[in-house]
Amino acid sequence: MPKLICRDLGIVDYSDTWEKMKEFTQSRDKSAADEIWLLQHPQIFTQGQAGKSEHLLAPGDIPVVQVDRGGQVTYHGPGQLIAYVMVDLKRAQIGVRDLVTLLENSVVNTLEKNDIDAYPKADAPGVYVNERKIASLGLRVRRGCSFHGLALNVDMDLSPFDRINPCGYQGLQMVDMKHLNNNVMFPHVVVQLANQLAELLGHPSPTIQQGWN
């Protein structure tokens, strides 16, 4: 079974990372290892393929990028942990709905390790705590392989979410882990989420590489 590569990339530019994801997905062959990229982005709003402009209320000085994932508009910024999940779905014998469930469960399990009780919703992809959203999902599949992934609010400034209807839902409240457990530490969450994703993908105890190499 091809191995799984987990990369901790730190804070990286959105557009550059998006191009790298597309390039990796387009050029990979059947022997290529699946990869998970764990990272943060500088402040940016991203609008999904079916995104409607009315959900951008007042972006102001934060850039807006039209992207090729599913879903509506969301916000990325420092203190939010993003996991881009590049999996050969055909080889893994899972469908897109299975991958969505897997991503949601990885977040729920990570939050549970931090004494936070969270849950997914059947009618609104993502993960929630007391009806406030703590993690968002957006995927694209090309050549039978997934890219994009999930964004988990760990310890961040949540105010930019007030400039949009998050994920297309008017009045949806966002929350982060730090507001729910003051002992949360970002580097620990990176490792916890990587371990959960890898385990659910059938690769327990992954090695996390620093950077692109």
N, C-alpha and C. Protein backbone atom coordinates (compact mmCIF):
# COMPACT_ATOMS: atom_id res chain seq x y z
N MET A 1 0.84 -1.20 0.00
CA MET A 1 0.00 0.00 0.00
C MET A 1 0.88 1.25 0.00
N PRO A 2 0.68 2.17 -0.93
CA PRO A 2 1.50 3.39 -0.95
C PRO A 2 1.36 4.15 0.37
N LYS A 3 2.44 4.74 0.80
CA LYS A 3 2.43 5.41 2.09
C LYS A 3 1.71 6.75 2.00
N LEU A 4 1.49 7.34 3.17
CA LEU A 4 0.90 8.66 3.29
C LEU A 4 1.97 9.63 3.75
N ILE A 5 2.06 10.78 3.09
CA ILE A 5 3.01 11.81 3.47
C ILE A 5 2.25 12.97 4.10
N CYS A 6 2.62 13.35 5.33
CA CYS A 6 2.04 14.52 6.00
C CYS A 6 3.09 15.62 6.03
N ARG A 7 2.71 16.81 5.60
CA ARG A 7 3.64 17.94 5.58
C ARG A 7 3.11 19.07 6.45
N ASP A 8 3.94 19.57 7.34
CA ASP A 8 3.62 20.76 8.13
C ASP A 8 4.31 21.94 7.45
N LEU A 9 3.52 22.82 6.83
CA LEU A 9 4.08 23.86 5.96
C LEU A 9 4.10 25.24 6.60
N GLY A 10 3.55 25.38 7.82
CA GLY A 10 3.54 26.70 8.45
C GLY A 10 2.57 27.64 7.74
N ILE A 11 2.90 28.94 7.71
CA ILE A 11 2.04 29.93 7.04
C ILE A 11 2.53 30.10 5.60
N VAL A 12 1.65 29.82 4.65
CA VAL A 12 2.02 29.86 3.22
C VAL A 12 0.96 30.62 2.43
N ASP A 13 1.38 31.20 1.33
CA ASP A 13 0.49 31.96 0.44
C ASP A 13 -0.61 31.07 -0.13
N TYR A 14 -1.84 31.61 -0.20
CA TYR A 14 -2.96 30.80 -0.68
C TYR A 14 -2.80 30.40 -2.15
N SER A 15 -2.60 31.38 -3.02
CA SER A 15 -2.58 31.09 -4.46
C SER A 15 -1.44 30.16 -4.83
N ASP A 16 -0.28 30.35 -4.22
CA ASP A 16 0.87 29.48 -4.49
C ASP A 16 0.55 28.04 -4.08
N THR A 17 -0.07 27.88 -2.92
CA THR A 17 -0.40 26.54 -2.42
C THR A 17 -1.47 25.89 -3.30
N TRP A 18 -2.44 26.67 -3.71
CA TRP A 18 -3.50 26.17 -4.61
C TRP A 18 -2.89 25.65 -5.91
N GLU A 19 -1.96 26.41 -6.48
CA GLU A 19 -1.29 25.97 -7.71
C GLU A 19 -0.52 24.67 -7.49
N LYS A 20 0.15 24.56 -6.36
CA LYS A 20 0.90 23.33 -6.04
C LYS A 20 -0.04 22.14 -5.90
N MET A 21 -1.22 22.37 -5.28
CA MET A 21 -2.20 21.29 -5.16
C MET A 21 -2.67 20.80 -6.52
N LYS A 22 -2.99 21.75 -7.38
CA LYS A 22 -3.48 21.38 -8.72
C LYS A 22 -2.39 20.65 -9.51
N GLU A 23 -1.17 21.16 -9.40
CA GLU A 23 -0.06 20.53 -10.12
C GLU A 23 0.18 19.11 -9.62
N PHE A 24 0.15 18.94 -8.30
CA PHE A 24 0.36 17.61 -7.72
C PHE A 24 -0.73 16.65 -8.20
N THR A 25 -1.98 17.10 -8.16
CA THR A 25 -3.10 16.24 -8.53
C THR A 25 -3.07 15.88 -10.02
N GLN A 26 -2.68 16.84 -10.85
CA GLN A 26 -2.65 16.62 -12.29
C GLN A 26 -1.52 15.68 -12.70
N SER A 27 -0.40 15.73 -11.98
CA SER A 27 0.79 14.99 -12.41
C SER A 27 0.98 13.65 -11.70
N ARG A 28 0.23 13.41 -10.62
CA ARG A 28 0.47 12.18 -9.86
C ARG A 28 0.05 10.95 -10.66
N ASP A 29 0.74 9.83 -10.40
CA ASP A 29 0.35 8.57 -11.04
C ASP A 29 -0.13 7.60 -9.98
N LYS A 30 -0.47 6.38 -10.40
CA LYS A 30 -1.10 5.42 -9.48
C LYS A 30 -0.18 4.99 -8.35
N SER A 31 1.12 5.20 -8.51
CA SER A 31 2.06 4.78 -7.47
C SER A 31 2.36 5.90 -6.47
N ALA A 32 1.88 7.11 -6.75
CA ALA A 32 2.21 8.25 -5.90
C ALA A 32 1.54 8.13 -4.53
N ALA A 33 2.28 8.47 -3.49
CA ALA A 33 1.72 8.46 -2.14
C ALA A 33 0.67 9.56 -2.00
N ASP A 34 -0.37 9.29 -1.23
CA ASP A 34 -1.30 10.34 -0.86
C ASP A 34 -0.59 11.33 0.05
N GLU A 35 -1.07 12.58 0.06
CA GLU A 35 -0.43 13.60 0.89
C GLU A 35 -1.48 14.40 1.65
N ILE A 36 -1.10 14.82 2.85
CA ILE A 36 -1.88 15.77 3.65
C ILE A 36 -0.97 16.96 3.94
N TRP A 37 -1.44 18.14 3.57
CA TRP A 37 -0.68 19.37 3.83
C TRP A 37 -1.37 20.13 4.96
N LEU A 38 -0.64 20.36 6.04
CA LEU A 38 -1.15 21.06 7.21
C LEU A 38 -0.52 22.45 7.24
N LEU A 39 -1.35 23.49 7.31
CA LEU A 39 -0.81 24.83 7.09
C LEU A 39 -1.75 25.90 7.59
N GLN A 40 -1.29 27.15 7.50
CA GLN A 40 -2.11 28.33 7.74
C GLN A 40 -1.94 29.26 6.53
N HIS A 41 -2.93 30.11 6.32
CA HIS A 41 -2.84 31.12 5.26
C HIS A 41 -2.91 32.52 5.86
N PRO A 42 -2.26 33.50 5.22
CA PRO A 42 -2.55 34.90 5.55
C PRO A 42 -4.02 35.19 5.24
N GLN A 43 -4.53 36.30 5.73
CA GLN A 43 -5.94 36.63 5.59
C GLN A 43 -6.42 36.60 4.13
N ILE A 44 -7.50 35.83 3.89
CA ILE A 44 -8.07 35.77 2.55
C ILE A 44 -9.49 35.19 2.62
N PHE A 45 -10.37 35.69 1.75
CA PHE A 45 -11.67 35.07 1.54
C PHE A 45 -11.58 34.22 0.28
N THR A 46 -12.13 33.00 0.32
CA THR A 46 -12.18 32.17 -0.89
C THR A 46 -13.64 31.85 -1.20
N GLN A 47 -13.96 31.98 -2.48
CA GLN A 47 -15.33 31.78 -2.96
C GLN A 47 -15.38 30.52 -3.81
N GLY A 48 -16.21 29.54 -3.41
CA GLY A 48 -16.29 28.27 -4.12
C GLY A 48 -16.93 28.40 -5.49
N GLN A 49 -16.94 27.31 -6.23
CA GLN A 49 -17.42 27.31 -7.62
C GLN A 49 -18.85 27.83 -7.77
N ALA A 50 -19.71 27.45 -6.83
CA ALA A 50 -21.11 27.87 -6.91
C ALA A 50 -21.36 29.10 -6.03
N GLY A 51 -20.29 29.76 -5.62
CA GLY A 51 -20.41 30.87 -4.68
C GLY A 51 -21.21 32.04 -5.24
N LYS A 52 -22.04 32.63 -4.39
CA LYS A 52 -22.87 33.77 -4.78
C LYS A 52 -22.31 35.04 -4.15
N SER A 53 -22.24 36.10 -4.95
CA SER A 53 -21.60 37.33 -4.52
C SER A 53 -22.32 37.97 -3.34
N GLU A 54 -23.63 37.70 -3.20
CA GLU A 54 -24.35 38.36 -2.10
C GLU A 54 -23.89 37.88 -0.72
N HIS A 55 -23.14 36.76 -0.68
CA HIS A 55 -22.63 36.28 0.60
C HIS A 55 -21.34 37.00 1.03
N LEU A 56 -20.78 37.80 0.12
CA LEU A 56 -19.66 38.67 0.46
C LEU A 56 -20.24 40.02 0.88
N LEU A 57 -20.33 40.24 2.17
CA LEU A 57 -21.03 41.42 2.68
C LEU A 57 -20.15 42.67 2.63
N ALA A 58 -18.93 42.56 3.15
CA ALA A 58 -18.04 43.72 3.22
C ALA A 58 -16.59 43.24 3.35
N PRO A 59 -16.04 42.67 2.25
CA PRO A 59 -14.68 42.11 2.36
C PRO A 59 -13.62 43.14 2.72
N GLY A 60 -13.84 44.40 2.33
CA GLY A 60 -12.90 45.45 2.71
C GLY A 60 -11.50 45.20 2.16
N ASP A 61 -10.50 45.22 3.04
CA ASP A 61 -9.10 45.12 2.60
C ASP A 61 -8.60 43.68 2.52
N ILE A 62 -9.47 42.72 2.77
CA ILE A 62 -9.07 41.31 2.68
C ILE A 62 -9.35 40.80 1.27
N PRO A 63 -8.34 40.24 0.59
CA PRO A 63 -8.53 39.77 -0.79
C PRO A 63 -9.59 38.68 -0.90
N VAL A 64 -10.24 38.63 -2.06
CA VAL A 64 -11.21 37.58 -2.38
C VAL A 64 -10.70 36.81 -3.58
N VAL A 65 -10.66 35.48 -3.49
CA VAL A 65 -10.18 34.64 -4.58
C VAL A 65 -11.27 33.65 -4.97
N GLN A 66 -11.56 33.56 -6.27
CA GLN A 66 -12.48 32.56 -6.80
C GLN A 66 -11.71 31.26 -6.99
N VAL A 67 -12.20 30.17 -6.41
CA VAL A 67 -11.46 28.91 -6.44
C VAL A 67 -12.33 27.77 -6.98
N ASP A 68 -11.70 26.61 -7.16
CA ASP A 68 -12.35 25.49 -7.84
C ASP A 68 -12.87 24.41 -6.89
N ARG A 69 -13.02 24.74 -5.62
CA ARG A 69 -13.59 23.77 -4.68
C ARG A 69 -15.11 23.93 -4.63
N GLY A 70 -15.76 22.97 -3.96
CA GLY A 70 -17.18 23.11 -3.70
C GLY A 70 -17.42 24.10 -2.58
N GLY A 71 -18.69 24.45 -2.37
CA GLY A 71 -19.05 25.31 -1.27
C GLY A 71 -19.11 26.78 -1.64
N GLN A 72 -19.48 27.59 -0.66
CA GLN A 72 -19.66 29.02 -0.85
C GLN A 72 -18.40 29.76 -0.38
N VAL A 73 -18.59 30.89 0.29
CA VAL A 73 -17.46 31.71 0.70
C VAL A 73 -17.04 31.35 2.12
N THR A 74 -15.72 31.38 2.36
CA THR A 74 -15.21 31.21 3.71
C THR A 74 -13.99 32.11 3.89
N TYR A 75 -13.51 32.14 5.12
CA TYR A 75 -12.37 32.98 5.47
C TYR A 75 -11.23 32.10 5.96
N HIS A 76 -10.01 32.44 5.56
CA HIS A 76 -8.81 31.81 6.09
C HIS A 76 -7.92 32.89 6.68
N GLY A 77 -7.26 32.56 7.78
CA GLY A 77 -6.35 33.51 8.39
C GLY A 77 -5.46 32.81 9.41
N PRO A 78 -4.44 33.50 9.91
CA PRO A 78 -3.53 32.91 10.91
C PRO A 78 -4.30 32.40 12.12
N GLY A 79 -3.87 31.26 12.63
CA GLY A 79 -4.53 30.65 13.77
C GLY A 79 -5.62 29.66 13.38
N GLN A 80 -5.86 29.54 12.08
CA GLN A 80 -6.79 28.53 11.55
C GLN A 80 -5.94 27.42 10.92
N LEU A 81 -6.18 26.19 11.34
CA LEU A 81 -5.43 25.05 10.81
C LEU A 81 -6.15 24.47 9.60
N ILE A 82 -5.46 24.46 8.48
CA ILE A 82 -6.00 23.91 7.24
C ILE A 82 -5.32 22.58 6.94
N ALA A 83 -6.11 21.62 6.53
CA ALA A 83 -5.58 20.34 6.08
C ALA A 83 -6.05 20.10 4.65
N TYR A 84 -5.12 20.19 3.71
CA TYR A 84 -5.43 19.84 2.33
C TYR A 84 -5.16 18.36 2.15
N VAL A 85 -6.17 17.65 1.66
CA VAL A 85 -6.15 16.18 1.65
C VAL A 85 -6.16 15.69 0.22
N MET A 86 -5.03 15.17 -0.21
CA MET A 86 -4.87 14.71 -1.59
C MET A 86 -4.80 13.18 -1.61
N VAL A 87 -5.97 12.59 -1.87
CA VAL A 87 -6.14 11.14 -1.76
C VAL A 87 -6.61 10.59 -3.09
N ASP A 88 -6.00 9.47 -3.51
CA ASP A 88 -6.47 8.72 -4.67
C ASP A 88 -7.71 7.94 -4.22
N LEU A 89 -8.88 8.48 -4.49
CA LEU A 89 -10.11 7.90 -3.96
C LEU A 89 -10.38 6.51 -4.53
N LYS A 90 -10.07 6.33 -5.79
CA LYS A 90 -10.30 5.03 -6.42
C LYS A 90 -9.44 3.96 -5.77
N ARG A 91 -8.17 4.30 -5.55
CA ARG A 91 -7.25 3.34 -4.91
C ARG A 91 -7.67 3.05 -3.47
N ALA A 92 -8.13 4.12 -2.77
CA ALA A 92 -8.56 3.94 -1.38
C ALA A 92 -9.94 3.31 -1.27
N GLN A 93 -10.63 3.19 -2.42
CA GLN A 93 -11.97 2.59 -2.49
C GLN A 93 -12.97 3.34 -1.60
N ILE A 94 -12.90 4.68 -1.68
CA ILE A 94 -13.88 5.49 -0.97
C ILE A 94 -14.45 6.54 -1.93
N GLY A 95 -15.69 6.92 -1.68
CA GLY A 95 -16.33 7.95 -2.48
C GLY A 95 -16.17 9.32 -1.84
N VAL A 96 -16.66 10.32 -2.52
CA VAL A 96 -16.54 11.69 -2.01
C VAL A 96 -17.31 11.84 -0.70
N ARG A 97 -18.51 11.28 -0.63
CA ARG A 97 -19.29 11.38 0.61
C ARG A 97 -18.56 10.70 1.76
N ASP A 98 -17.89 9.57 1.47
CA ASP A 98 -17.09 8.88 2.50
C ASP A 98 -15.96 9.78 2.98
N LEU A 99 -15.33 10.49 2.05
CA LEU A 99 -14.22 11.36 2.43
C LEU A 99 -14.71 12.52 3.28
N VAL A 100 -15.87 13.08 2.94
CA VAL A 100 -16.44 14.16 3.75
C VAL A 100 -16.67 13.68 5.18
N THR A 101 -17.26 12.49 5.31
CA THR A 101 -17.50 11.92 6.64
C THR A 101 -16.20 11.70 7.39
N LEU A 102 -15.19 11.21 6.68
CA LEU A 102 -13.88 10.98 7.28
C LEU A 102 -13.28 12.28 7.80
N LEU A 103 -13.36 13.34 6.99
CA LEU A 103 -12.81 14.63 7.41
C LEU A 103 -13.55 15.16 8.64
N GLU A 104 -14.87 15.07 8.61
CA GLU A 104 -15.66 15.53 9.76
C GLU A 104 -15.30 14.74 11.01
N ASN A 105 -15.19 13.42 10.88
CA ASN A 105 -14.87 12.59 12.04
C ASN A 105 -13.47 12.89 12.58
N SER A 106 -12.54 13.20 11.70
CA SER A 106 -11.18 13.52 12.16
C SER A 106 -11.19 14.77 13.03
N VAL A 107 -12.03 15.74 12.65
CA VAL A 107 -12.13 16.97 13.45
C VAL A 107 -12.84 16.70 14.76
N VAL A 108 -13.95 15.97 14.72
CA VAL A 108 -14.69 15.64 15.95
C VAL A 108 -13.77 14.92 16.93
N ASN A 109 -12.98 13.97 16.45
CA ASN A 109 -12.07 13.21 17.31
C ASN A 109 -10.96 14.10 17.88
N THR A 110 -10.45 15.02 17.05
CA THR A 110 -9.42 15.95 17.52
C THR A 110 -9.97 16.86 18.61
N LEU A 111 -11.18 17.35 18.41
CA LEU A 111 -11.80 18.22 19.40
C LEU A 111 -12.08 17.46 20.70
N GLU A 112 -12.48 16.21 20.56
CA GLU A 112 -12.73 15.40 21.76
C GLU A 112 -11.47 15.27 22.61
N LYS A 113 -10.32 15.17 21.96
CA LYS A 113 -9.05 15.08 22.70
C LYS A 113 -8.74 16.38 23.44
N ASN A 114 -9.43 17.45 23.07
CA ASN A 114 -9.26 18.74 23.73
C ASN A 114 -10.49 19.11 24.57
N ASP A 115 -11.24 18.08 24.96
CA ASP A 115 -12.42 18.25 25.83
C ASP A 115 -13.47 19.16 25.23
N ILE A 116 -13.64 19.09 23.92
CA ILE A 116 -14.65 19.87 23.22
C ILE A 116 -15.61 18.90 22.53
N ASP A 117 -16.88 19.01 22.85
CA ASP A 117 -17.91 18.12 22.30
C ASP A 117 -18.46 18.73 21.02
N ALA A 118 -18.21 18.10 19.89
CA ALA A 118 -18.59 18.64 18.59
C ALA A 118 -19.31 17.57 17.77
N TYR A 119 -19.94 18.02 16.67
CA TYR A 119 -20.74 17.10 15.85
C TYR A 119 -20.84 17.65 14.43
N PRO A 120 -21.00 16.75 13.45
CA PRO A 120 -21.31 17.17 12.08
C PRO A 120 -22.81 17.32 11.90
N LYS A 121 -23.20 17.91 10.76
CA LYS A 121 -24.63 18.02 10.41
C LYS A 121 -24.83 17.41 9.04
N ALA A 122 -25.89 16.61 8.90
CA ALA A 122 -26.14 15.94 7.63
C ALA A 122 -26.46 16.93 6.52
N ASP A 123 -27.12 18.04 6.87
CA ASP A 123 -27.59 18.97 5.84
C ASP A 123 -26.65 20.16 5.63
N ALA A 124 -25.56 20.24 6.39
CA ALA A 124 -24.65 21.38 6.28
C ALA A 124 -23.23 20.92 6.62
N PRO A 125 -22.45 20.50 5.60
CA PRO A 125 -21.12 19.93 5.87
C PRO A 125 -20.27 20.84 6.75
N GLY A 126 -19.51 20.21 7.61
CA GLY A 126 -18.67 20.92 8.55
C GLY A 126 -18.84 20.33 9.94
N VAL A 127 -18.24 20.99 10.93
CA VAL A 127 -18.32 20.52 12.32
C VAL A 127 -18.76 21.69 13.19
N TYR A 128 -19.62 21.38 14.16
CA TYR A 128 -20.28 22.40 14.96
C TYR A 128 -20.15 22.11 16.45
N VAL A 129 -20.19 23.19 17.24
CA VAL A 129 -20.23 23.11 18.70
C VAL A 129 -21.36 24.03 19.16
N ASN A 130 -22.40 23.45 19.76
CA ASN A 130 -23.55 24.25 20.21
C ASN A 130 -24.07 25.17 19.10
N GLU A 131 -24.20 24.61 17.91
CA GLU A 131 -24.74 25.31 16.73
C GLU A 131 -23.81 26.40 16.18
N ARG A 132 -22.62 26.52 16.72
CA ARG A 132 -21.62 27.43 16.15
C ARG A 132 -20.63 26.59 15.34
N LYS A 133 -20.21 27.11 14.20
CA LYS A 133 -19.35 26.33 13.31
C LYS A 133 -17.89 26.50 13.70
N ILE A 134 -17.19 25.39 13.81
CA ILE A 134 -15.78 25.42 14.20
C ILE A 134 -14.87 24.91 13.08
N ALA A 135 -15.43 24.19 12.11
CA ALA A 135 -14.62 23.68 10.98
C ALA A 135 -15.47 23.66 9.72
N SER A 136 -14.84 24.04 8.60
CA SER A 136 -15.50 24.09 7.30
C SER A 136 -14.83 23.13 6.33
N LEU A 137 -15.60 22.63 5.37
CA LEU A 137 -15.08 21.69 4.37
C LEU A 137 -15.33 22.20 2.97
N GLY A 138 -14.41 21.90 2.08
CA GLY A 138 -14.59 22.19 0.66
C GLY A 138 -13.65 21.31 -0.14
N LEU A 139 -14.18 20.54 -1.08
CA LEU A 139 -13.36 19.58 -1.82
C LEU A 139 -13.51 19.75 -3.32
N ARG A 140 -12.53 19.22 -4.02
CA ARG A 140 -12.60 19.08 -5.48
C ARG A 140 -12.01 17.72 -5.82
N VAL A 141 -12.56 17.06 -6.80
CA VAL A 141 -12.02 15.77 -7.26
C VAL A 141 -11.67 15.90 -8.72
N ARG A 142 -10.46 15.49 -9.06
CA ARG A 142 -9.99 15.49 -10.44
C ARG A 142 -9.19 14.21 -10.67
N ARG A 143 -9.45 13.56 -11.80
CA ARG A 143 -8.75 12.32 -12.14
C ARG A 143 -8.89 11.28 -11.02
N GLY A 144 -10.04 11.30 -10.32
CA GLY A 144 -10.28 10.34 -9.25
C GLY A 144 -9.56 10.63 -7.96
N CYS A 145 -8.96 11.83 -7.87
CA CYS A 145 -8.18 12.20 -6.69
C CYS A 145 -8.73 13.49 -6.08
N SER A 146 -8.71 13.55 -4.76
CA SER A 146 -9.23 14.72 -4.05
C SER A 146 -8.14 15.76 -3.85
N PHE A 147 -8.58 17.02 -3.75
CA PHE A 147 -7.72 18.08 -3.22
C PHE A 147 -8.60 19.13 -2.55
N HIS A 148 -8.01 20.20 -2.03
CA HIS A 148 -8.63 21.07 -1.02
C HIS A 148 -8.87 20.21 0.23
N GLY A 149 -9.79 20.63 1.12
CA GLY A 149 -9.94 19.84 2.34
C GLY A 149 -10.74 20.55 3.41
N LEU A 150 -10.14 20.76 4.61
CA LEU A 150 -10.88 21.31 5.73
C LEU A 150 -10.10 22.45 6.38
N ALA A 151 -10.85 23.30 7.09
CA ALA A 151 -10.27 24.41 7.85
C ALA A 151 -10.85 24.37 9.26
N LEU A 152 -9.97 24.23 10.24
CA LEU A 152 -10.36 24.14 11.65
C LEU A 152 -9.93 25.41 12.39
N ASN A 153 -10.90 26.09 12.99
CA ASN A 153 -10.59 27.31 13.73
C ASN A 153 -9.97 26.94 15.07
N VAL A 154 -8.70 27.25 15.24
CA VAL A 154 -7.99 26.86 16.45
C VAL A 154 -7.85 28.04 17.42
N ASP A 155 -7.12 29.06 17.03
CA ASP A 155 -6.85 30.21 17.90
C ASP A 155 -6.67 31.42 17.00
N MET A 156 -7.77 32.07 16.63
CA MET A 156 -7.71 33.07 15.57
C MET A 156 -8.63 34.25 15.86
N ASP A 157 -8.44 35.31 15.09
CA ASP A 157 -9.35 36.44 15.08
C ASP A 157 -10.56 36.06 14.23
N LEU A 158 -11.71 35.94 14.86
CA LEU A 158 -12.91 35.49 14.15
C LEU A 158 -13.68 36.65 13.50
N SER A 159 -13.28 37.90 13.77
CA SER A 159 -14.08 39.04 13.30
C SER A 159 -14.25 39.10 11.77
N PRO A 160 -13.27 38.66 10.93
CA PRO A 160 -13.50 38.71 9.48
C PRO A 160 -14.70 37.87 9.02
N PHE A 161 -15.09 36.87 9.80
CA PHE A 161 -16.28 36.09 9.42
C PHE A 161 -17.53 36.97 9.42
N ASP A 162 -17.49 38.08 10.17
CA ASP A 162 -18.65 38.99 10.20
C ASP A 162 -18.82 39.72 8.87
N ARG A 163 -17.80 39.70 8.01
CA ARG A 163 -17.87 40.39 6.72
C ARG A 163 -18.50 39.53 5.62
N ILE A 164 -18.84 38.28 5.96
CA ILE A 164 -19.42 37.36 4.98
C ILE A 164 -20.59 36.61 5.62
N ASN A 165 -21.36 35.91 4.78
CA ASN A 165 -22.26 34.87 5.28
C ASN A 165 -21.48 33.57 5.21
N PRO A 166 -20.90 33.11 6.31
CA PRO A 166 -20.00 31.95 6.25
C PRO A 166 -20.66 30.74 5.61
N CYS A 167 -20.01 30.22 4.58
CA CYS A 167 -20.51 29.04 3.86
C CYS A 167 -21.91 29.26 3.29
N GLY A 168 -22.28 30.56 3.12
CA GLY A 168 -23.57 30.89 2.53
C GLY A 168 -24.73 30.94 3.51
N TYR A 169 -24.44 30.88 4.82
CA TYR A 169 -25.50 30.88 5.82
C TYR A 169 -25.53 32.22 6.56
N GLN A 170 -26.59 32.96 6.35
CA GLN A 170 -26.74 34.26 7.00
C GLN A 170 -26.86 34.08 8.52
N GLY A 171 -26.06 34.83 9.25
CA GLY A 171 -26.13 34.80 10.70
C GLY A 171 -25.44 33.62 11.36
N LEU A 172 -24.78 32.77 10.58
CA LEU A 172 -24.07 31.63 11.16
C LEU A 172 -22.94 32.12 12.06
N GLN A 173 -22.93 31.67 13.31
CA GLN A 173 -21.89 32.06 14.25
C GLN A 173 -20.71 31.09 14.17
N MET A 174 -19.52 31.66 14.21
CA MET A 174 -18.29 30.86 14.18
C MET A 174 -17.67 30.84 15.57
N VAL A 175 -16.87 29.83 15.84
CA VAL A 175 -16.17 29.74 17.11
C VAL A 175 -14.82 29.07 16.85
N ASP A 176 -13.87 29.27 17.77
CA ASP A 176 -12.60 28.55 17.65
C ASP A 176 -12.32 27.76 18.92
N MET A 177 -11.33 26.88 18.85
CA MET A 177 -11.02 25.98 19.96
C MET A 177 -10.60 26.74 21.21
N LYS A 178 -9.84 27.82 21.03
CA LYS A 178 -9.29 28.55 22.17
C LYS A 178 -10.40 29.15 23.03
N HIS A 179 -11.51 29.57 22.39
CA HIS A 179 -12.64 30.11 23.15
C HIS A 179 -13.31 29.02 24.00
N LEU A 180 -13.15 27.78 23.61
CA LEU A 180 -13.81 26.67 24.28
C LEU A 180 -12.91 25.95 25.27
N ASN A 181 -11.60 26.08 25.08
CA ASN A 181 -10.62 25.45 25.97
C ASN A 181 -9.36 26.29 25.92
N ASN A 182 -9.11 27.05 26.95
CA ASN A 182 -7.99 28.00 26.96
C ASN A 182 -6.63 27.32 26.95
N ASN A 183 -6.60 26.00 27.19
CA ASN A 183 -5.33 25.27 27.21
C ASN A 183 -4.89 24.79 25.83
N VAL A 184 -5.71 25.03 24.82
CA VAL A 184 -5.39 24.57 23.47
C VAL A 184 -4.11 25.22 22.97
N MET A 185 -3.24 24.41 22.36
CA MET A 185 -1.99 24.91 21.78
C MET A 185 -1.92 24.47 20.31
N PHE A 186 -1.71 25.44 19.43
CA PHE A 186 -1.77 25.17 17.99
C PHE A 186 -0.87 24.01 17.55
N PRO A 187 0.42 23.98 17.95
CA PRO A 187 1.28 22.88 17.47
C PRO A 187 0.76 21.50 17.86
N HIS A 188 0.13 21.41 19.02
CA HIS A 188 -0.42 20.12 19.44
C HIS A 188 -1.59 19.71 18.56
N VAL A 189 -2.40 20.69 18.19
CA VAL A 189 -3.57 20.39 17.35
C VAL A 189 -3.12 19.92 15.96
N VAL A 190 -2.04 20.49 15.45
CA VAL A 190 -1.51 20.04 14.15
C VAL A 190 -1.22 18.54 14.19
N VAL A 191 -0.53 18.10 15.23
CA VAL A 191 -0.17 16.69 15.36
C VAL A 191 -1.42 15.83 15.57
N GLN A 192 -2.33 16.31 16.41
CA GLN A 192 -3.55 15.54 16.68
C GLN A 192 -4.38 15.35 15.43
N LEU A 193 -4.56 16.41 14.65
CA LEU A 193 -5.38 16.29 13.44
C LEU A 193 -4.69 15.41 12.41
N ALA A 194 -3.39 15.56 12.26
CA ALA A 194 -2.64 14.70 11.33
C ALA A 194 -2.81 13.23 11.70
N ASN A 195 -2.72 12.93 12.99
CA ASN A 195 -2.86 11.54 13.44
C ASN A 195 -4.26 11.02 13.18
N GLN A 196 -5.27 11.84 13.42
CA GLN A 196 -6.65 11.40 13.18
C GLN A 196 -6.92 11.16 11.70
N LEU A 197 -6.49 12.09 10.86
CA LEU A 197 -6.69 11.92 9.42
C LEU A 197 -5.99 10.66 8.92
N ALA A 198 -4.74 10.49 9.33
CA ALA A 198 -3.97 9.35 8.87
C ALA A 198 -4.58 8.03 9.33
N GLU A 199 -5.01 8.00 10.59
CA GLU A 199 -5.60 6.76 11.12
C GLU A 199 -6.87 6.39 10.37
N LEU A 200 -7.72 7.38 10.11
CA LEU A 200 -8.98 7.10 9.41
C LEU A 200 -8.74 6.72 7.94
N LEU A 201 -7.60 7.16 7.40
CA LEU A 201 -7.23 6.78 6.03
C LEU A 201 -6.46 5.46 5.99
N GLY A 202 -6.27 4.85 7.15
CA GLY A 202 -5.60 3.55 7.21
C GLY A 202 -4.11 3.62 7.33
N HIS A 203 -3.59 4.75 7.82
CA HIS A 203 -2.15 4.93 7.98
C HIS A 203 -1.83 5.42 9.40
N PRO A 204 -1.99 4.58 10.41
CA PRO A 204 -1.74 5.04 11.79
C PRO A 204 -0.28 5.46 11.99
N SER A 205 -0.08 6.34 12.96
CA SER A 205 1.26 6.82 13.35
C SER A 205 2.05 7.40 12.18
N PRO A 206 1.54 8.45 11.54
CA PRO A 206 2.26 9.04 10.41
C PRO A 206 3.47 9.84 10.87
N THR A 207 4.43 9.98 9.99
CA THR A 207 5.55 10.90 10.21
C THR A 207 5.18 12.23 9.58
N ILE A 208 5.40 13.32 10.33
CA ILE A 208 5.08 14.65 9.82
C ILE A 208 6.37 15.33 9.38
N GLN A 209 6.45 15.63 8.10
CA GLN A 209 7.63 16.31 7.55
C GLN A 209 7.44 17.81 7.62
N GLN A 210 8.54 18.52 7.86
CA GLN A 210 8.50 19.97 7.87
C GLN A 210 8.81 20.50 6.47
N GLY A 211 7.92 21.32 5.91
CA GLY A 211 8.18 21.94 4.60
C GLY A 211 7.87 21.01 3.44
N TRP A 212 8.28 21.45 2.25
CA TRP A 212 7.93 20.74 1.02
C TRP A 212 8.83 19.55 0.75
N ASN A 213 9.99 19.48 1.38
CA ASN A 213 10.95 18.40 1.05
C ASN A 213 10.77 17.18 1.94
